[in-house]
N, C-alpha and C. Protein backbone atom coordinates (compact mmCIF):
# COMPACT_ATOMS: atom_id res chain seq x y z
N MET A 1 130.45 106.83 101.19
CA MET A 1 131.08 105.59 100.38
C MET A 1 129.93 105.19 99.52
N VAL A 2 130.09 104.12 98.65
CA VAL A 2 129.21 103.80 97.40
C VAL A 2 128.73 102.31 98.15
N THR A 3 127.46 102.34 97.91
CA THR A 3 126.93 100.95 98.03
C THR A 3 126.79 100.22 96.46
N MET A 4 127.03 99.09 96.76
CA MET A 4 126.78 98.08 95.43
C MET A 4 125.97 97.09 95.76
N TYR A 5 125.01 97.47 95.58
CA TYR A 5 123.59 95.83 95.32
C TYR A 5 124.02 94.95 94.33
N SER A 6 124.44 93.63 94.66
CA SER A 6 124.93 92.77 94.01
C SER A 6 124.24 91.50 94.10
N THR A 7 125.05 90.39 93.42
CA THR A 7 124.79 89.01 93.63
C THR A 7 125.92 88.38 93.34
N PRO A 8 126.53 87.19 93.88
CA PRO A 8 127.79 86.26 93.88
C PRO A 8 128.24 86.00 92.31
N TRP A 9 126.82 85.37 91.91
CA TRP A 9 127.23 85.25 90.44
C TRP A 9 126.99 86.11 89.07
N CYS A 10 127.06 87.83 89.44
CA CYS A 10 127.07 88.39 88.26
C CYS A 10 128.28 88.93 87.87
N GLY A 11 128.68 88.37 87.08
CA GLY A 11 129.51 88.93 86.07
C GLY A 11 129.85 90.53 85.95
N TYR A 12 128.73 91.25 85.65
CA TYR A 12 128.88 92.79 85.51
C TYR A 12 129.53 93.17 87.18
N CYS A 13 128.79 92.66 87.88
CA CYS A 13 129.30 93.22 89.47
C CYS A 13 130.84 92.75 89.62
N ARG A 14 131.05 91.39 89.24
CA ARG A 14 132.29 91.37 89.49
C ARG A 14 133.25 92.28 88.60
N ARG A 15 132.97 92.47 87.29
CA ARG A 15 133.82 93.72 86.56
C ARG A 15 133.94 94.96 87.29
N LEU A 16 132.88 95.65 87.61
CA LEU A 16 132.64 96.75 88.22
C LEU A 16 133.43 96.94 89.68
N LYS A 17 133.30 95.76 90.21
CA LYS A 17 134.05 95.59 91.64
C LYS A 17 135.66 95.60 91.26
N ASP A 18 136.33 95.10 90.25
CA ASP A 18 137.89 94.76 89.75
C ASP A 18 137.96 96.18 89.58
N GLN A 19 137.15 97.05 88.53
CA GLN A 19 137.42 98.10 88.38
C GLN A 19 137.35 99.35 89.25
N MET A 20 136.70 98.97 90.40
CA MET A 20 136.55 100.00 91.36
C MET A 20 137.75 99.85 92.28
N ASP A 21 138.12 98.61 92.33
CA ASP A 21 139.44 98.30 93.50
C ASP A 21 140.78 98.98 92.57
N ARG A 22 140.69 98.95 91.37
CA ARG A 22 141.89 99.63 90.64
C ARG A 22 142.11 100.85 90.76
N GLU A 23 140.67 101.57 90.86
CA GLU A 23 140.60 102.85 91.14
C GLU A 23 140.73 103.57 92.00
N GLY A 24 140.71 102.66 93.10
CA GLY A 24 140.63 102.81 94.55
C GLY A 24 139.56 103.70 95.15
N ILE A 25 138.24 103.36 94.61
CA ILE A 25 137.01 103.82 94.90
C ILE A 25 136.63 102.75 95.85
N GLN A 26 136.24 103.47 97.27
CA GLN A 26 135.60 102.45 98.31
C GLN A 26 134.28 102.36 97.84
N TYR A 27 134.05 100.88 98.54
CA TYR A 27 132.60 100.62 98.03
C TYR A 27 132.15 99.36 99.43
N GLU A 28 130.40 99.28 99.17
CA GLU A 28 129.89 98.48 100.33
C GLU A 28 129.21 97.46 99.52
N VAL A 29 129.58 96.26 99.46
CA VAL A 29 128.64 95.13 98.85
C VAL A 29 127.44 94.59 99.57
N VAL A 30 126.30 94.83 98.96
CA VAL A 30 125.48 94.09 99.94
C VAL A 30 124.57 93.20 98.68
N ASP A 31 124.28 91.81 99.16
CA ASP A 31 124.17 90.66 98.49
C ASP A 31 122.77 90.83 98.57
N ILE A 32 121.94 90.86 97.45
CA ILE A 32 120.49 91.14 97.32
C ILE A 32 119.96 89.69 97.44
N GLU A 33 120.32 88.25 97.36
CA GLU A 33 120.21 87.38 97.49
C GLU A 33 120.09 86.95 98.95
N GLU A 34 121.06 87.67 99.96
CA GLU A 34 120.81 87.58 101.34
C GLU A 34 120.28 88.56 102.23
N ASP A 35 119.69 89.62 101.57
CA ASP A 35 119.07 90.62 102.39
C ASP A 35 117.76 90.91 101.38
N PRO A 36 116.74 90.17 101.88
CA PRO A 36 115.34 90.64 100.78
C PRO A 36 115.26 92.01 100.95
N ALA A 37 115.14 93.00 101.84
CA ALA A 37 115.25 93.90 101.91
C ALA A 37 115.94 95.02 100.90
N SER A 38 117.24 94.52 100.54
CA SER A 38 117.98 95.17 99.66
C SER A 38 117.25 95.13 98.41
N ALA A 39 117.01 93.65 98.14
CA ALA A 39 116.31 93.04 96.84
C ALA A 39 115.36 93.96 96.63
N ASP A 40 114.36 94.14 97.49
CA ASP A 40 112.94 95.42 97.54
C ASP A 40 113.35 96.27 97.16
N TYR A 41 114.48 97.10 97.74
CA TYR A 41 114.97 98.07 97.26
C TYR A 41 115.43 98.28 95.72
N VAL A 42 116.17 97.16 95.48
CA VAL A 42 116.62 97.24 93.90
C VAL A 42 115.52 97.50 93.13
N MET A 43 114.48 96.61 93.39
CA MET A 43 113.61 96.27 92.50
C MET A 43 112.49 97.79 92.53
N SER A 44 112.54 98.27 93.37
CA SER A 44 112.05 99.60 93.82
C SER A 44 112.42 100.99 92.74
N ILE A 45 113.89 100.84 92.35
CA ILE A 45 114.29 101.62 91.90
C ILE A 45 114.48 101.31 90.36
N ASN A 46 113.96 100.02 89.95
CA ASN A 46 114.46 99.57 88.70
C ASN A 46 113.32 98.73 88.15
N GLY A 47 111.93 99.50 88.02
CA GLY A 47 110.80 99.23 87.69
C GLY A 47 110.13 97.70 87.85
N GLY A 48 110.59 97.29 89.09
CA GLY A 48 110.12 95.90 89.60
C GLY A 48 110.90 94.96 89.33
N ASN A 49 112.31 94.90 88.49
CA ASN A 49 113.54 94.17 88.17
C ASN A 49 114.69 94.34 89.10
N ALA A 50 115.25 93.08 89.67
CA ALA A 50 116.22 92.92 90.46
C ALA A 50 117.44 93.05 89.78
N VAL A 51 117.70 94.23 89.16
CA VAL A 51 118.97 94.46 88.35
C VAL A 51 120.12 94.82 89.25
N VAL A 52 121.27 93.79 88.84
CA VAL A 52 122.74 94.27 89.55
C VAL A 52 123.56 94.37 88.45
N PRO A 53 124.80 95.24 88.90
CA PRO A 53 124.91 96.02 89.67
C PRO A 53 123.98 97.12 89.72
N THR A 54 123.55 97.29 91.21
CA THR A 54 122.64 98.94 91.11
C THR A 54 123.83 99.28 91.88
N VAL A 55 124.25 100.72 91.97
CA VAL A 55 125.03 101.61 92.50
C VAL A 55 124.06 102.48 93.45
N LYS A 56 124.54 102.85 94.89
CA LYS A 56 123.92 103.89 95.48
C LYS A 56 124.94 104.62 96.04
N PHE A 57 124.87 106.24 95.64
CA PHE A 57 125.95 107.34 96.00
C PHE A 57 125.79 107.78 97.21
N PRO A 58 126.68 108.44 97.99
CA PRO A 58 126.37 109.18 99.06
C PRO A 58 125.24 110.15 98.99
N ASP A 59 125.13 110.67 97.64
CA ASP A 59 124.00 111.78 97.88
C ASP A 59 122.29 111.12 97.71
N GLY A 60 122.56 109.74 97.59
CA GLY A 60 121.04 108.98 97.65
C GLY A 60 120.57 108.65 96.02
N SER A 61 121.46 109.00 95.13
CA SER A 61 121.07 108.66 94.02
C SER A 61 121.51 107.34 93.55
N THR A 62 121.04 107.04 92.49
CA THR A 62 121.59 105.41 92.20
C THR A 62 121.92 105.44 90.64
N LEU A 63 122.42 104.38 90.04
CA LEU A 63 122.92 104.06 88.70
C LEU A 63 122.87 102.75 88.50
N THR A 64 122.25 102.03 87.61
CA THR A 64 122.14 100.79 87.37
C THR A 64 122.97 99.84 86.04
N ASN A 65 123.45 99.07 86.51
CA ASN A 65 124.78 98.72 85.95
C ASN A 65 125.60 99.84 85.14
N PRO A 66 126.27 100.65 85.93
CA PRO A 66 127.03 101.50 85.61
C PRO A 66 128.03 101.30 85.25
N THR A 67 128.80 102.24 84.14
CA THR A 67 130.42 101.85 83.67
C THR A 67 131.35 102.45 84.73
N ILE A 68 132.54 102.17 85.12
CA ILE A 68 133.19 102.76 85.86
C ILE A 68 133.72 104.31 85.47
N VAL A 69 133.27 104.89 84.07
CA VAL A 69 133.30 106.27 83.67
C VAL A 69 132.07 106.77 84.56
N GLN A 70 131.22 106.53 84.34
CA GLN A 70 130.14 106.75 85.01
C GLN A 70 129.72 107.27 86.59
N VAL A 71 130.74 106.07 87.31
CA VAL A 71 130.62 105.95 88.71
C VAL A 71 131.57 106.98 88.81
N ARG A 72 132.99 107.07 88.11
CA ARG A 72 133.94 107.95 88.50
C ARG A 72 133.31 109.65 88.29
N GLU A 73 132.68 109.66 87.37
CA GLU A 73 131.96 110.96 86.68
C GLU A 73 131.05 111.44 88.19
N LYS A 74 130.39 110.46 88.34
CA LYS A 74 129.46 110.52 89.70
C LYS A 74 129.97 110.99 91.02
N LEU A 75 131.08 110.47 91.07
CA LEU A 75 131.89 110.57 92.19
C LEU A 75 132.77 111.82 92.18
N ALA A 76 133.01 112.68 90.57
CA ALA A 76 134.17 113.21 90.55
C ALA A 76 135.32 112.91 90.87
N VAL A 77 135.63 111.89 90.32
CA VAL A 77 136.92 111.12 90.71
C VAL A 77 137.75 111.35 89.44
N PRO A 78 139.04 112.07 89.33
CA PRO A 78 139.75 112.04 88.04
C PRO A 78 140.04 110.37 87.50
N SER A 79 140.39 110.31 86.36
CA SER A 79 140.83 108.60 86.16
C SER A 79 142.26 108.29 86.57
N ALA A 80 142.34 107.08 86.56
CA ALA A 80 143.69 107.00 87.17
C ALA A 80 144.77 106.71 86.04
């Protein structure tokens, strides 16, 4: 399952969630404002910046502010 590090106010996060829902891609959302350890993790992979959405894939790799095309490609999911 994909993990999306997010905040409630992030428009890019809402858009990606909506797109992943339409594509049937399952994901878990972690609110970095509610979980300081997750905020530290996001900053550790984004040069000290709390950039969301940051998406972590089952293989441990991450993408920052990815498009739905990038997420599908990473998961080898054909387009709907």
